[in-house]
Amino acid sequence: MYPVGMKIASGWYDRDLGLALGWLVGALVLGTAFPHLIRGLGGDLPWQGVILSVSAVSIAGGLAMLFLVPDGPQLRAGAKFDPAAFATIFRSADFRASAFGYFGHMWELYAFYAFLPVLLAARLGSDGATVSMWSFAAIATGFLGCMVGGYLSRGIGSARVAYMQLSASGLCCLVSPLAFLAPLPVFLAFLLFWGVVVAGDSPQFSTLNARFAPPRLVGSALTIANCIGFSITIVSIALLDWLIETAGPQYVFVMLVPGPVLGLAALRRLAAKPA
């Protein structure tokens, strides 16, 4: 539903699409954090209770979309299936730059989300409720990164906002072992900041992908980019899962550095352009 939601947003917004997607992806980040909040508040709530709770909220969200959100006036008619669409989409140098920047971002994002509770448990101990509440807080701060980044994009452009936030999150990957050894308040503040920047570039990458995709293939372009991005996520999560037993949670996040580095290299040409 993520690319479909972005296509709906692009049907309502053109000039301020970066801001609109900032709010949209910010809401998605809060939804990602929500199960940790349920677990933290529920104490000994079993995982089945968490799944049932978030499923009920998802159904409510789907019904709200069905009855309250019509298609926007700028939504283009869907194109018929075209087996050449993949090649057509990636023929644009600007789309390749934004898409490959997004792929580098995705190498880091959900691996951070997946192993954040492991990192917190290694530092805070085995109190599940405390770990869940701090996991919620660190992920939920991404809403601020998405929202503030959306407003900044109106002045300096989506590419520069994405470049700054991806640079910051890559630096967080690099210094994470030192942050783990810092005093607890510093460590927790570091995770909150990391949560802001690790997600804040996501809506701007989506904005760039929508902007540089062929107009008749916007939905296909967003879907293809997201499919590749989430496939990359599977690889990075599997890699960290394999390495965490040997490297330990203190050092394993350094393995995510190549994603932001390669993403920044791809995005540089867009960030250098005028907003």
C-alpha atoms as a PDB file:
ATOM      1  CA  MET A   1       0.000   0.000   0.000  1.00  0.00           C
ATOM      2  CA  TYR A   2       3.014   2.312   0.354  1.00  0.00           C
ATOM      3  CA  PRO A   3       3.459   3.095  -3.390  1.00  0.00           C
ATOM      4  CA  VAL A   4      -0.315   3.300  -3.814  1.00  0.00           C
ATOM      5  CA  GLY A   5      -0.486   5.849  -1.002  1.00  0.00           C
ATOM      6  CA  MET A   6       2.261   7.899  -2.643  1.00  0.00           C
ATOM      7  CA  LYS A   7       0.432   7.818  -5.966  1.00  0.00           C
ATOM      8  CA  ILE A   8      -2.729   9.069  -4.240  1.00  0.00           C
ATOM      9  CA  ALA A   9      -0.719  11.910  -2.683  1.00  0.00           C
ATOM     10  CA  SER A  10       0.789  12.794  -6.063  1.00  0.00           C
ATOM     11  CA  GLY A  11      -2.772  13.074  -7.375  1.00  0.00           C
ATOM     12  CA  TRP A  12      -3.509  15.817  -4.856  1.00  0.00           C
ATOM     13  CA  TYR A  13      -0.188  17.660  -4.742  1.00  0.00           C
ATOM     14  CA  ASP A  14       2.289  18.849  -7.349  1.00  0.00           C
ATOM     15  CA  ARG A  15       4.301  21.853  -6.194  1.00  0.00           C
ATOM     16  CA  ASP A  16       4.303  20.811  -2.529  1.00  0.00           C
ATOM     17  CA  LEU A  17       4.561  17.057  -3.076  1.00  0.00           C
ATOM     18  CA  GLY A  18       7.678  16.862  -0.868  1.00  0.00           C
ATOM     19  CA  LEU A  19       5.740  18.385   2.020  1.00  0.00           C
ATOM     20  CA  ALA A  20       2.718  16.143   1.443  1.00  0.00           C
ATOM     21  CA  LEU A  21       4.855  13.015   1.354  1.00  0.00           C
ATOM     22  CA  GLY A  22       6.685  14.255   4.449  1.00  0.00           C
ATOM     23  CA  TRP A  23       3.403  14.043   6.364  1.00  0.00           C
ATOM     24  CA  LEU A  24       2.400  10.787   4.662  1.00  0.00           C
ATOM     25  CA  VAL A  25       5.655   8.951   5.384  1.00  0.00           C
ATOM     26  CA  GLY A  26       5.774  10.542   8.841  1.00  0.00           C
ATOM     27  CA  ALA A  27       2.448   8.859   9.552  1.00  0.00           C
ATOM     28  CA  LEU A  28       3.870   5.601   8.211  1.00  0.00           C
ATOM     29  CA  VAL A  29       6.836   5.941  10.608  1.00  0.00           C
ATOM     30  CA  LEU A  30       4.471   6.427  13.546  1.00  0.00           C
ATOM     31  CA  GLY A  31       2.636   3.300  12.412  1.00  0.00           C
ATOM     32  CA  THR A  32       5.928   1.424  12.327  1.00  0.00           C
ATOM     33  CA  ALA A  33       6.638   2.498  15.900  1.00  0.00           C
ATOM     34  CA  PHE A  34       3.112   1.809  17.157  1.00  0.00           C
ATOM     35  CA  PRO A  35       3.523  -1.937  17.915  1.00  0.00           C
ATOM     36  CA  HIS A  36       6.437  -1.100  20.239  1.00  0.00           C
ATOM     37  CA  LEU A  37       4.186   1.355  22.094  1.00  0.00           C
ATOM     38  CA  ILE A  38       1.485  -1.300  22.497  1.00  0.00           C
ATOM     39  CA  ARG A  39       4.077  -3.768  23.774  1.00  0.00           C
ATOM     40  CA  GLY A  40       5.549  -1.204  26.166  1.00  0.00           C
ATOM     41  CA  LEU A  41       2.199  -0.164  27.616  1.00  0.00           C
ATOM     42  CA  GLY A  42       0.884  -3.715  27.696  1.00  0.00           C
ATOM     43  CA  GLY A  43       3.617  -5.039  29.940  1.00  0.00           C
ATOM     44  CA  ASP A  44       3.338  -8.794  29.513  1.00  0.00           C
ATOM     45  CA  LEU A  45       1.008  -8.569  26.519  1.00  0.00           C
ATOM     46  CA  PRO A  46       1.777 -11.588  24.279  1.00  0.00           C
ATOM     47  CA  TRP A  47       2.766 -11.016  20.685  1.00  0.00           C
ATOM     48  CA  GLN A  48      -0.648 -12.237  19.521  1.00  0.00           C
ATOM     49  CA  GLY A  49      -2.246  -9.302  21.358  1.00  0.00           C
ATOM     50  CA  VAL A  50       0.090  -6.865  19.637  1.00  0.00           C
ATOM     51  CA  ILE A  51      -0.730  -8.312  16.205  1.00  0.00           C
ATOM     52  CA  LEU A  52      -4.494  -8.186  16.854  1.00  0.00           C
ATOM     53  CA  SER A  53      -4.246  -4.571  18.055  1.00  0.00           C
ATOM     54  CA  VAL A  54      -2.318  -3.268  15.058  1.00  0.00           C
ATOM     55  CA  SER A  55      -4.531  -5.297  12.715  1.00  0.00           C
ATOM     56  CA  ALA A  56      -7.616  -3.547  14.106  1.00  0.00           C
ATOM     57  CA  VAL A  57      -5.970  -0.157  13.563  1.00  0.00           C
ATOM     58  CA  SER A  58      -5.011  -1.167  10.003  1.00  0.00           C
ATOM     59  CA  ILE A  59      -8.617  -2.118   9.215  1.00  0.00           C
ATOM     60  CA  ALA A  60      -9.798   1.244  10.576  1.00  0.00           C
ATOM     61  CA  GLY A  61      -7.218   3.016   8.386  1.00  0.00           C
ATOM     62  CA  GLY A  62      -8.328   1.104   5.307  1.00  0.00           C
ATOM     63  CA  LEU A  63     -11.967   2.019   5.907  1.00  0.00           C
ATOM     64  CA  ALA A  64     -11.008   5.665   6.418  1.00  0.00           C
ATOM     65  CA  MET A  65      -9.200   5.658   3.058  1.00  0.00           C
ATOM     66  CA  LEU A  66     -12.161   4.003   1.339  1.00  0.00           C
ATOM     67  CA  PHE A  67     -14.801   6.425   2.590  1.00  0.00           C
ATOM     68  CA  LEU A  68     -12.892   9.688   3.189  1.00  0.00           C
ATOM     69  CA  VAL A  69     -10.097   9.981   0.575  1.00  0.00           C
ATOM     70  CA  PRO A  70     -11.102  10.230  -3.101  1.00  0.00           C
ATOM     71  CA  ASP A  71      -8.597  10.375  -5.955  1.00  0.00           C
ATOM     72  CA  GLY A  72      -7.037  13.780  -6.537  1.00  0.00           C
ATOM     73  CA  PRO A  73      -7.559  15.974  -9.589  1.00  0.00           C
ATOM     74  CA  GLN A  74      -4.008  15.414 -10.852  1.00  0.00           C
ATOM     75  CA  LEU A  75      -4.154  11.619 -10.742  1.00  0.00           C
ATOM     76  CA  ARG A  76      -3.367  10.251 -14.185  1.00  0.00           C
ATOM     77  CA  ALA A  77      -5.183   7.283 -15.658  1.00  0.00           C
ATOM     78  CA  GLY A  78      -3.441   3.980 -15.063  1.00  0.00           C
ATOM     79  CA  ALA A  79      -1.409   2.632 -17.964  1.00  0.00           C
ATOM     80  CA  LYS A  80      -1.777  -0.839 -19.372  1.00  0.00           C
ATOM     81  CA  PHE A  81       0.861  -3.424 -18.535  1.00  0.00           C
ATOM     82  CA  ASP A  82       4.036  -2.708 -20.479  1.00  0.00           C
ATOM     83  CA  PRO A  83       6.918  -5.202 -20.180  1.00  0.00           C
ATOM     84  CA  ALA A  84       9.306  -2.455 -21.314  1.00  0.00           C
ATOM     85  CA  ALA A  85       8.302  -0.162 -18.413  1.00  0.00           C
ATOM     86  CA  PHE A  86      11.335  -1.129 -16.317  1.00  0.00           C
ATOM     87  CA  ALA A  87      13.772  -0.058 -19.017  1.00  0.00           C
ATOM     88  CA  THR A  88      11.744   3.077 -19.784  1.00  0.00           C
ATOM     89  CA  ILE A  89      11.740   4.203 -16.158  1.00  0.00           C
ATOM     90  CA  PHE A  90      15.466   3.731 -15.587  1.00  0.00           C
ATOM     91  CA  ARG A  91      16.374   5.403 -18.884  1.00  0.00           C
ATOM     92  CA  SER A  92      16.144   8.758 -17.091  1.00  0.00           C
ATOM     93  CA  ALA A  93      19.473   9.720 -15.497  1.00  0.00           C
ATOM     94  CA  ASP A  94      17.684  11.809 -12.875  1.00  0.00           C
ATOM     95  CA  PHE A  95      15.392   8.921 -11.942  1.00  0.00           C
ATOM     96  CA  ARG A  96      18.387   6.584 -11.672  1.00  0.00           C
ATOM     97  CA  ALA A  97      20.099   9.068  -9.351  1.00  0.00           C
ATOM     98  CA  SER A  98      17.098   9.380  -7.033  1.00  0.00           C
ATOM     99  CA  ALA A  99      16.306   5.654  -7.143  1.00  0.00           C
ATOM    100  CA  PHE A 100      19.850   4.555  -6.337  1.00  0.00           C
ATOM    101  CA  GLY A 101      19.999   7.122  -3.549  1.00  0.00           C
ATOM    102  CA  TYR A 102      16.791   5.573  -2.211  1.00  0.00           C
ATOM    103  CA  PHE A 103      18.278   2.081  -2.460  1.00  0.00           C
ATOM    104  CA  GLY A 104      21.229   3.149  -0.301  1.00  0.00           C
ATOM    105  CA  HIS A 105      18.799   4.621   2.221  1.00  0.00           C
ATOM    106  CA  MET A 106      16.802   1.383   2.314  1.00  0.00           C
ATOM    107  CA  TRP A 107      19.942  -0.652   3.043  1.00  0.00           C
ATOM    108  CA  GLU A 108      20.023   1.110   6.400  1.00  0.00           C
ATOM    109  CA  LEU A 109      16.449   2.022   7.362  1.00  0.00           C
ATOM    110  CA  TYR A 110      14.668  -1.228   8.222  1.00  0.00           C
ATOM    111  CA  ALA A 111      17.797  -2.956   9.457  1.00  0.00           C
ATOM    112  CA  PHE A 112      18.027  -0.135  11.996  1.00  0.00           C
ATOM    113  CA  TYR A 113      14.360  -0.620  12.903  1.00  0.00           C
ATOM    114  CA  ALA A 114      14.724  -4.411  13.159  1.00  0.00           C
ATOM    115  CA  PHE A 115      17.772  -4.451  15.437  1.00  0.00           C
ATOM    116  CA  LEU A 116      17.152  -1.291  17.464  1.00  0.00           C
ATOM    117  CA  PRO A 117      15.473  -3.327  20.271  1.00  0.00           C
ATOM    118  CA  VAL A 118      18.507  -5.653  20.307  1.00  0.00           C
ATOM    119  CA  LEU A 119      20.835  -2.677  20.698  1.00  0.00           C
ATOM    120  CA  LEU A 120      18.675  -1.210  23.459  1.00  0.00           C
ATOM    121  CA  ALA A 121      18.427  -4.538  25.288  1.00  0.00           C
ATOM    122  CA  ALA A 122      22.220  -4.871  25.216  1.00  0.00           C
ATOM    123  CA  ARG A 123      22.515  -1.515  26.973  1.00  0.00           C
ATOM    124  CA  LEU A 124      19.363  -1.334  29.126  1.00  0.00           C
ATOM    125  CA  GLY A 125      19.016  -4.971  30.171  1.00  0.00           C
ATOM    126  CA  SER A 126      16.134  -7.392  29.827  1.00  0.00           C
ATOM    127  CA  ASP A 127      13.258  -5.119  30.907  1.00  0.00           C
ATOM    128  CA  GLY A 128      11.025  -5.688  27.898  1.00  0.00           C
ATOM    129  CA  ALA A 129       8.651  -2.790  28.570  1.00  0.00           C
ATOM    130  CA  THR A 130      11.503  -0.264  28.834  1.00  0.00           C
ATOM    131  CA  VAL A 131      13.141  -1.567  25.666  1.00  0.00           C
ATOM    132  CA  SER A 132       9.809  -1.369  23.837  1.00  0.00           C
ATOM    133  CA  MET A 133       9.104   2.194  24.967  1.00  0.00           C
ATOM    134  CA  TRP A 134      12.543   3.445  23.896  1.00  0.00           C
ATOM    135  CA  SER A 135      12.199   1.548  20.621  1.00  0.00           C
ATOM    136  CA  PHE A 136       8.913   3.344  20.057  1.00  0.00           C
ATOM    137  CA  ALA A 137      10.459   6.718  20.908  1.00  0.00           C
ATOM    138  CA  ALA A 138      13.508   6.280  18.651  1.00  0.00           C
ATOM    139  CA  ILE A 139      11.424   5.142  15.675  1.00  0.00           C
ATOM    140  CA  ALA A 140       8.607   7.651  16.217  1.00  0.00           C
ATOM    141  CA  THR A 141      11.017  10.613  16.149  1.00  0.00           C
ATOM    142  CA  GLY A 142      11.321   9.858  12.437  1.00  0.00           C
ATOM    143  CA  PHE A 143       7.979  11.663  12.116  1.00  0.00           C
ATOM    144  CA  LEU A 144       9.787  14.895  12.978  1.00  0.00           C
ATOM    145  CA  GLY A 145      12.461  14.211  10.358  1.00  0.00           C
ATOM    146  CA  CYS A 146       9.816  13.590   7.700  1.00  0.00           C
ATOM    147  CA  MET A 147       7.695  16.608   8.627  1.00  0.00           C
ATOM    148  CA  VAL A 148      10.527  19.125   9.061  1.00  0.00           C
ATOM    149  CA  GLY A 149      12.243  17.777   5.954  1.00  0.00           C
ATOM    150  CA  GLY A 150       9.011  18.313   4.037  1.00  0.00           C
ATOM    151  CA  TYR A 151       8.913  21.997   4.995  1.00  0.00           C
ATOM    152  CA  LEU A 152      12.627  22.425   4.251  1.00  0.00           C
ATOM    153  CA  SER A 153      12.135  20.911   0.804  1.00  0.00           C
ATOM    154  CA  ARG A 154       9.953  23.881  -0.147  1.00  0.00           C
ATOM    155  CA  GLY A 155      12.976  26.141   0.175  1.00  0.00           C
ATOM    156  CA  ILE A 156      16.074  24.105  -0.664  1.00  0.00           C
ATOM    157  CA  GLY A 157      14.611  21.221  -2.657  1.00  0.00           C
ATOM    158  CA  SER A 158      14.010  17.547  -1.937  1.00  0.00           C
ATOM    159  CA  ALA A 159      17.421  16.399  -3.187  1.00  0.00           C
ATOM    160  CA  ARG A 160      19.338  18.571  -0.728  1.00  0.00           C
ATOM    161  CA  VAL A 161      17.113  17.595   2.185  1.00  0.00           C
ATOM    162  CA  ALA A 162      17.592  13.907   1.353  1.00  0.00           C
ATOM    163  CA  TYR A 163      21.343  14.395   0.954  1.00  0.00           C
ATOM    164  CA  MET A 164      21.708  16.085   4.364  1.00  0.00           C
ATOM    165  CA  GLN A 165      19.640  13.514   6.224  1.00  0.00           C
ATOM    166  CA  LEU A 166      21.277  10.521   4.525  1.00  0.00           C
ATOM    167  CA  SER A 167      24.695  12.008   5.394  1.00  0.00           C
ATOM    168  CA  ALA A 168      23.666  12.355   9.036  1.00  0.00           C
ATOM    169  CA  SER A 169      22.259   8.831   9.298  1.00  0.00           C
ATOM    170  CA  GLY A 170      25.352   7.377   7.636  1.00  0.00           C
ATOM    171  CA  LEU A 171      27.495   9.190  10.203  1.00  0.00           C
ATOM    172  CA  CYS A 172      25.320   7.687  12.953  1.00  0.00           C
ATOM    173  CA  CYS A 173      26.057   4.201  11.587  1.00  0.00           C
ATOM    174  CA  LEU A 174      29.762   4.969  11.678  1.00  0.00           C
ATOM    175  CA  VAL A 175      29.919   6.313  15.238  1.00  0.00           C
ATOM    176  CA  SER A 176      27.373   3.897  16.744  1.00  0.00           C
ATOM    177  CA  PRO A 177      30.055   1.856  18.589  1.00  0.00           C
ATOM    178  CA  LEU A 178      31.259   5.009  20.364  1.00  0.00           C
ATOM    179  CA  ALA A 179      27.709   6.082  21.185  1.00  0.00           C
ATOM    180  CA  PHE A 180      27.064   2.672  22.757  1.00  0.00           C
ATOM    181  CA  LEU A 181      29.891   3.364  25.248  1.00  0.00           C
ATOM    182  CA  ALA A 182      28.712   6.900  26.048  1.00  0.00           C
ATOM    183  CA  PRO A 183      26.763   7.734  29.240  1.00  0.00           C
ATOM    184  CA  LEU A 184      23.219   6.436  29.066  1.00  0.00           C
ATOM    185  CA  PRO A 185      21.500   9.831  28.510  1.00  0.00           C
ATOM    186  CA  VAL A 186      23.910  10.550  25.635  1.00  0.00           C
ATOM    187  CA  PHE A 187      23.309   7.103  24.147  1.00  0.00           C
ATOM    188  CA  LEU A 188      19.533   7.500  24.268  1.00  0.00           C
ATOM    189  CA  ALA A 189      19.690  11.032  22.822  1.00  0.00           C
ATOM    190  CA  PHE A 190      21.872   9.670  20.029  1.00  0.00           C
ATOM    191  CA  LEU A 191      19.240   7.034  19.174  1.00  0.00           C
ATOM    192  CA  LEU A 192      16.497   9.660  19.146  1.00  0.00           C
ATOM    193  CA  PHE A 193      18.532  11.786  16.731  1.00  0.00           C
ATOM    194  CA  TRP A 194      19.312   8.748  14.579  1.00  0.00           C
ATOM    195  CA  GLY A 195      15.606   7.972  14.441  1.00  0.00           C
ATOM    196  CA  VAL A 196      14.947  11.492  13.115  1.00  0.00           C
ATOM    197  CA  VAL A 197      17.450  11.376  10.251  1.00  0.00           C
ATOM    198  CA  VAL A 198      17.206   7.683   9.306  1.00  0.00           C
ATOM    199  CA  ALA A 199      13.601   8.147   8.155  1.00  0.00           C
ATOM    200  CA  GLY A 200      13.475  11.849   7.289  1.00  0.00           C
ATOM    201  CA  ASP A 201      14.960  11.414   3.824  1.00  0.00           C
ATOM    202  CA  SER A 202      12.479   8.723   2.776  1.00  0.00           C
ATOM    203  CA  PRO A 203       9.626  11.033   1.650  1.00  0.00           C
ATOM    204  CA  GLN A 204      12.059  13.210  -0.268  1.00  0.00           C
ATOM    205  CA  PHE A 205      13.396  10.206  -2.170  1.00  0.00           C
ATOM    206  CA  SER A 206       9.812   9.249  -2.985  1.00  0.00           C
ATOM    207  CA  THR A 207       9.162  12.807  -4.156  1.00  0.00           C
ATOM    208  CA  LEU A 208      12.196  12.707  -6.427  1.00  0.00           C
ATOM    209  CA  ASN A 209      11.208   9.303  -7.811  1.00  0.00           C
ATOM    210  CA  ALA A 210       7.694  10.564  -8.569  1.00  0.00           C
ATOM    211  CA  ARG A 211       9.018  13.764 -10.115  1.00  0.00           C
ATOM    212  CA  PHE A 212      11.543  12.139 -12.442  1.00  0.00           C
ATOM    213  CA  ALA A 213       9.488   9.114 -13.481  1.00  0.00           C
ATOM    214  CA  PRO A 214       7.758   9.227 -16.881  1.00  0.00           C
ATOM    215  CA  PRO A 215       4.336  10.854 -16.237  1.00  0.00           C
ATOM    216  CA  ARG A 216       2.351   7.883 -17.541  1.00  0.00           C
ATOM    217  CA  LEU A 217       4.350   5.435 -15.417  1.00  0.00           C
ATOM    218  CA  VAL A 218       4.501   7.193 -12.024  1.00  0.00           C
ATOM    219  CA  GLY A 219       2.656   4.400 -10.213  1.00  0.00           C
ATOM    220  CA  SER A 220       4.785   1.712 -11.856  1.00  0.00           C
ATOM    221  CA  ALA A 221       7.988   3.645 -11.125  1.00  0.00           C
ATOM    222  CA  LEU A 222       7.154   4.050  -7.428  1.00  0.00           C
ATOM    223  CA  THR A 223       6.152   0.396  -7.146  1.00  0.00           C
ATOM    224  CA  ILE A 224       9.306  -0.867  -8.892  1.00  0.00           C
ATOM    225  CA  ALA A 225      11.571   1.371  -6.791  1.00  0.00           C
ATOM    226  CA  ASN A 226       9.851   0.271  -3.579  1.00  0.00           C
ATOM    227  CA  CYS A 227      10.036  -3.415  -4.514  1.00  0.00           C
ATOM    228  CA  ILE A 228      13.763  -3.150  -5.156  1.00  0.00           C
ATOM    229  CA  GLY A 229      14.256  -1.087  -1.990  1.00  0.00           C
ATOM    230  CA  PHE A 230      12.466  -3.562   0.256  1.00  0.00           C
ATOM    231  CA  SER A 231      14.298  -6.460  -1.392  1.00  0.00           C
ATOM    232  CA  ILE A 232      17.553  -4.735  -0.466  1.00  0.00           C
ATOM    233  CA  THR A 233      16.196  -4.426   3.071  1.00  0.00           C
ATOM    234  CA  ILE A 234      15.813  -8.213   3.282  1.00  0.00           C
ATOM    235  CA  VAL A 235      19.510  -8.616   2.433  1.00  0.00           C
ATOM    236  CA  SER A 236      20.726  -6.072   4.994  1.00  0.00           C
ATOM    237  CA  ILE A 237      18.543  -7.518   7.772  1.00  0.00           C
ATOM    238  CA  ALA A 238      19.733 -11.035   6.979  1.00  0.00           C
ATOM    239  CA  LEU A 239      23.351  -9.828   6.993  1.00  0.00           C
ATOM    240  CA  LEU A 240      23.008  -8.176  10.392  1.00  0.00           C
ATOM    241  CA  ASP A 241      21.206 -11.217  11.773  1.00  0.00           C
ATOM    242  CA  TRP A 242      24.140 -13.359  10.631  1.00  0.00           C
ATOM    243  CA  LEU A 243      26.820 -11.025  11.991  1.00  0.00           C
ATOM    244  CA  ILE A 244      25.291  -9.932  15.271  1.00  0.00           C
ATOM    245  CA  GLU A 245      26.305 -13.096  17.117  1.00  0.00           C
ATOM    246  CA  THR A 246      29.967 -12.585  16.229  1.00  0.00           C
ATOM    247  CA  ALA A 247      30.280  -8.791  16.045  1.00  0.00           C
ATOM    248  CA  GLY A 248      27.762  -8.013  18.774  1.00  0.00           C
ATOM    249  CA  PRO A 249      25.069  -5.294  18.754  1.00  0.00           C
ATOM    250  CA  GLN A 250      27.652  -2.644  19.622  1.00  0.00           C
ATOM    251  CA  TYR A 251      29.498  -2.976  16.315  1.00  0.00           C
ATOM    252  CA  VAL A 252      27.051  -4.540  13.886  1.00  0.00           C
ATOM    253  CA  PHE A 253      25.451  -1.249  12.761  1.00  0.00           C
ATOM    254  CA  VAL A 254      28.758  -0.207  11.205  1.00  0.00           C
ATOM    255  CA  MET A 255      27.931  -2.787   8.514  1.00  0.00           C
ATOM    256  CA  LEU A 256      25.184  -0.426   7.311  1.00  0.00           C
ATOM    257  CA  VAL A 257      27.602   2.372   6.346  1.00  0.00           C
ATOM    258  CA  PRO A 258      28.012   1.291   2.675  1.00  0.00           C
ATOM    259  CA  GLY A 259      24.321   1.939   1.998  1.00  0.00           C
ATOM    260  CA  PRO A 260      24.369   5.669   2.822  1.00  0.00           C
ATOM    261  CA  VAL A 261      27.787   6.095   1.175  1.00  0.00           C
ATOM    262  CA  LEU A 262      26.621   4.617  -2.121  1.00  0.00           C
ATOM    263  CA  GLY A 263      23.305   6.451  -1.868  1.00  0.00           C
ATOM    264  CA  LEU A 264      25.080   9.782  -1.401  1.00  0.00           C
ATOM    265  CA  ALA A 265      27.312   9.091  -4.381  1.00  0.00           C
ATOM    266  CA  ALA A 266      24.249   8.489  -6.565  1.00  0.00           C
ATOM    267  CA  LEU A 267      22.352  11.505  -5.218  1.00  0.00           C
ATOM    268  CA  ARG A 268      25.170  14.023  -5.511  1.00  0.00           C
ATOM    269  CA  ARG A 269      24.300  15.119  -9.053  1.00  0.00           C
ATOM    270  CA  LEU A 270      20.728  16.002  -8.004  1.00  0.00           C
ATOM    271  CA  ALA A 271      21.783  17.745  -4.797  1.00  0.00           C
ATOM    272  CA  ALA A 272      24.129  19.980  -6.819  1.00  0.00           C
ATOM    273  CA  LYS A 273      21.281  21.284  -8.977  1.00  0.00           C
ATOM    274  CA  PRO A 274      19.337  24.449  -8.056  1.00  0.00           C
ATOM    275  CA  ALA A 275      16.322  23.769  -5.851  1.00  0.00           C
END
